[in-house]
C-alpha atoms as a PDB file:
ATOM      1  CA  UNK A   1      81.663 344.962 144.856  1.00  0.00           C
ATOM      2  CA  UNK A   2      80.984 344.111 148.446  1.00  0.00           C
ATOM      3  CA  UNK A   3      82.653 341.360 150.378  1.00  0.00           C
ATOM      4  CA  UNK A   4      81.161 339.373 153.250  1.00  0.00           C
ATOM      5  CA  UNK A   5      82.281 340.135 156.784  1.00  0.00           C
ATOM      6  CA  UNK A   6      85.606 338.465 157.514  1.00  0.00           C
ATOM      7  CA  UNK A   7      86.298 337.637 161.168  1.00  0.00           C
ATOM      8  CA  UNK A   8      89.985 338.470 160.662  1.00  0.00           C
ATOM      9  CA  UNK A   9      89.398 342.047 159.455  1.00  0.00           C
ATOM     10  CA  UNK A  10      90.646 344.624 161.911  1.00  0.00           C
ATOM     11  CA  UNK A  11      87.882 346.540 163.704  1.00  0.00           C
ATOM     12  CA  UNK A  12      87.957 350.120 162.340  1.00  0.00           C
ATOM     13  CA  UNK A  13      89.934 348.886 159.294  1.00  0.00           C
ATOM     14  CA  UNK A  14      88.988 349.779 155.734  1.00  0.00           C
ATOM     15  CA  UNK A  15      87.975 346.221 154.753  1.00  0.00           C
ATOM     16  CA  UNK A  16      85.808 345.933 157.878  1.00  0.00           C
ATOM     17  CA  UNK A  17      83.831 349.093 157.089  1.00  0.00           C
ATOM     18  CA  UNK A  18      83.591 348.401 153.330  1.00  0.00           C
ATOM     19  CA  UNK A  19      81.979 345.010 154.089  1.00  0.00           C
ATOM     20  CA  UNK A  20      78.904 346.674 155.662  1.00  0.00           C
ATOM     21  CA  UNK A  21      76.063 346.531 153.145  1.00  0.00           C
ATOM     22  CA  UNK A  22      72.269 346.324 152.727  1.00  0.00           C
ATOM     23  CA  UNK A  23      70.514 344.106 155.269  1.00  0.00           C
ATOM     24  CA  UNK A  24      73.254 344.153 157.919  1.00  0.00           C
ATOM     25  CA  UNK A  25      72.487 344.894 161.568  1.00  0.00           C
ATOM     26  CA  UNK A  26      74.655 347.853 162.569  1.00  0.00           C
ATOM     27  CA  UNK A  27      74.982 350.770 164.955  1.00  0.00           C
ATOM     28  CA  UNK A  28      76.455 354.230 164.519  1.00  0.00           C
ATOM     29  CA  UNK A  29      79.864 355.067 165.994  1.00  0.00           C
ATOM     30  CA  UNK A  30      79.165 358.808 165.995  1.00  0.00           C
ATOM     31  CA  UNK A  31      78.171 360.143 169.402  1.00  0.00           C
ATOM     32  CA  UNK A  32      74.617 361.408 169.204  1.00  0.00           C
ATOM     33  CA  UNK A  33      71.070 360.117 168.945  1.00  0.00           C
ATOM     34  CA  UNK A  34      71.822 356.825 167.179  1.00  0.00           C
ATOM     35  CA  UNK A  35      75.057 355.553 168.791  1.00  0.00           C
ATOM     36  CA  UNK A  36      74.446 352.162 170.351  1.00  0.00           C
ATOM     37  CA  UNK A  37      70.960 351.830 168.875  1.00  0.00           C
ATOM     38  CA  UNK A  38      70.363 348.656 166.878  1.00  0.00           C
ATOM     39  CA  UNK A  39      69.673 349.498 163.236  1.00  0.00           C
ATOM     40  CA  UNK A  40      69.385 347.888 159.813  1.00  0.00           C
ATOM     41  CA  UNK A  41      70.949 349.057 156.559  1.00  0.00           C
ATOM     42  CA  UNK A  42      68.017 349.635 154.154  1.00  0.00           C
ATOM     43  CA  UNK A  43      69.703 350.754 150.926  1.00  0.00           C
ATOM     44  CA  UNK A  44      72.372 352.966 149.426  1.00  0.00           C
ATOM     45  CA  UNK A  45      71.777 356.680 149.923  1.00  0.00           C
ATOM     46  CA  UNK A  46      70.824 358.707 146.867  1.00  0.00           C
ATOM     47  CA  UNK A  47      73.967 360.866 146.890  1.00  0.00           C
ATOM     48  CA  UNK A  48      77.364 359.142 146.735  1.00  0.00           C
ATOM     49  CA  UNK A  49      80.866 360.631 146.745  1.00  0.00           C
ATOM     50  CA  UNK A  50      84.212 359.745 148.248  1.00  0.00           C
ATOM     51  CA  UNK A  51      85.739 356.369 149.114  1.00  0.00           C
ATOM     52  CA  UNK A  52      83.106 355.038 151.541  1.00  0.00           C
ATOM     53  CA  UNK A  53      79.476 354.507 150.508  1.00  0.00           C
ATOM     54  CA  UNK A  54      76.658 356.364 152.218  1.00  0.00           C
ATOM     55  CA  UNK A  55      73.853 354.119 153.443  1.00  0.00           C
ATOM     56  CA  UNK A  56      70.266 354.723 154.500  1.00  0.00           C
ATOM     57  CA  UNK A  57      69.913 353.277 158.000  1.00  0.00           C
ATOM     58  CA  UNK A  58      66.664 352.547 159.862  1.00  0.00           C
ATOM     59  CA  UNK A  59      66.689 352.055 163.626  1.00  0.00           C
ATOM     60  CA  UNK A  60      64.538 349.416 165.283  1.00  0.00           C
ATOM     61  CA  UNK A  61      62.385 352.284 166.587  1.00  0.00           C
ATOM     62  CA  UNK A  62      61.638 353.402 162.997  1.00  0.00           C
ATOM     63  CA  UNK A  63      63.847 356.501 162.634  1.00  0.00           C
ATOM     64  CA  UNK A  64      65.949 356.831 159.489  1.00  0.00           C
ATOM     65  CA  UNK A  65      69.293 358.515 158.899  1.00  0.00           C
ATOM     66  CA  UNK A  66      72.173 358.437 156.418  1.00  0.00           C
ATOM     67  CA  UNK A  67      75.694 357.463 157.458  1.00  0.00           C
ATOM     68  CA  UNK A  68      78.962 356.579 155.776  1.00  0.00           C
ATOM     69  CA  UNK A  69      80.247 353.020 156.101  1.00  0.00           C
ATOM     70  CA  UNK A  70      83.247 354.281 158.107  1.00  0.00           C
ATOM     71  CA  UNK A  71      80.883 355.556 160.845  1.00  0.00           C
ATOM     72  CA  UNK A  72      79.107 352.212 161.291  1.00  0.00           C
ATOM     73  CA  UNK A  73      79.921 349.025 163.175  1.00  0.00           C
ATOM     74  CA  UNK A  74      78.282 345.621 163.092  1.00  0.00           C
ATOM     75  CA  UNK A  75      75.809 345.275 165.961  1.00  0.00           C
ATOM     76  CA  UNK A  76      77.356 342.055 167.329  1.00  0.00           C
ATOM     77  CA  UNK A  77      80.843 343.632 167.332  1.00  0.00           C
ATOM     78  CA  UNK A  78      79.538 346.708 169.133  1.00  0.00           C
ATOM     79  CA  UNK A  79      78.039 344.463 171.810  1.00  0.00           C
ATOM     80  CA  UNK A  80      81.271 342.489 172.141  1.00  0.00           C
ATOM     81  CA  UNK A  81      83.929 345.241 172.051  1.00  0.00           C
ATOM     82  CA  UNK A  82      82.359 348.574 172.936  1.00  0.00           C
ATOM     83  CA  UNK A  83      79.371 348.037 175.194  1.00  0.00           C
ATOM     84  CA  UNK A  84      80.495 346.047 178.211  1.00  0.00           C
END
């Protein structure tokens, strides 16, 4: 069961990351090719294990990758808190 984004959830908190689901605009927090690149959650990844879900992400440039919810951040929050 997913919950909608709550403005009072702590950034990097469990509830914040668990609220990321299909259709959300996100970016990766892992340093590499996709950090800071605007992306959209397409669907759940085929293989699931552990506490956080794995999601298939597609960047605006068309590349796809799989990431856990805990390694993602909402795009608008990334713009507000990280990228200044």
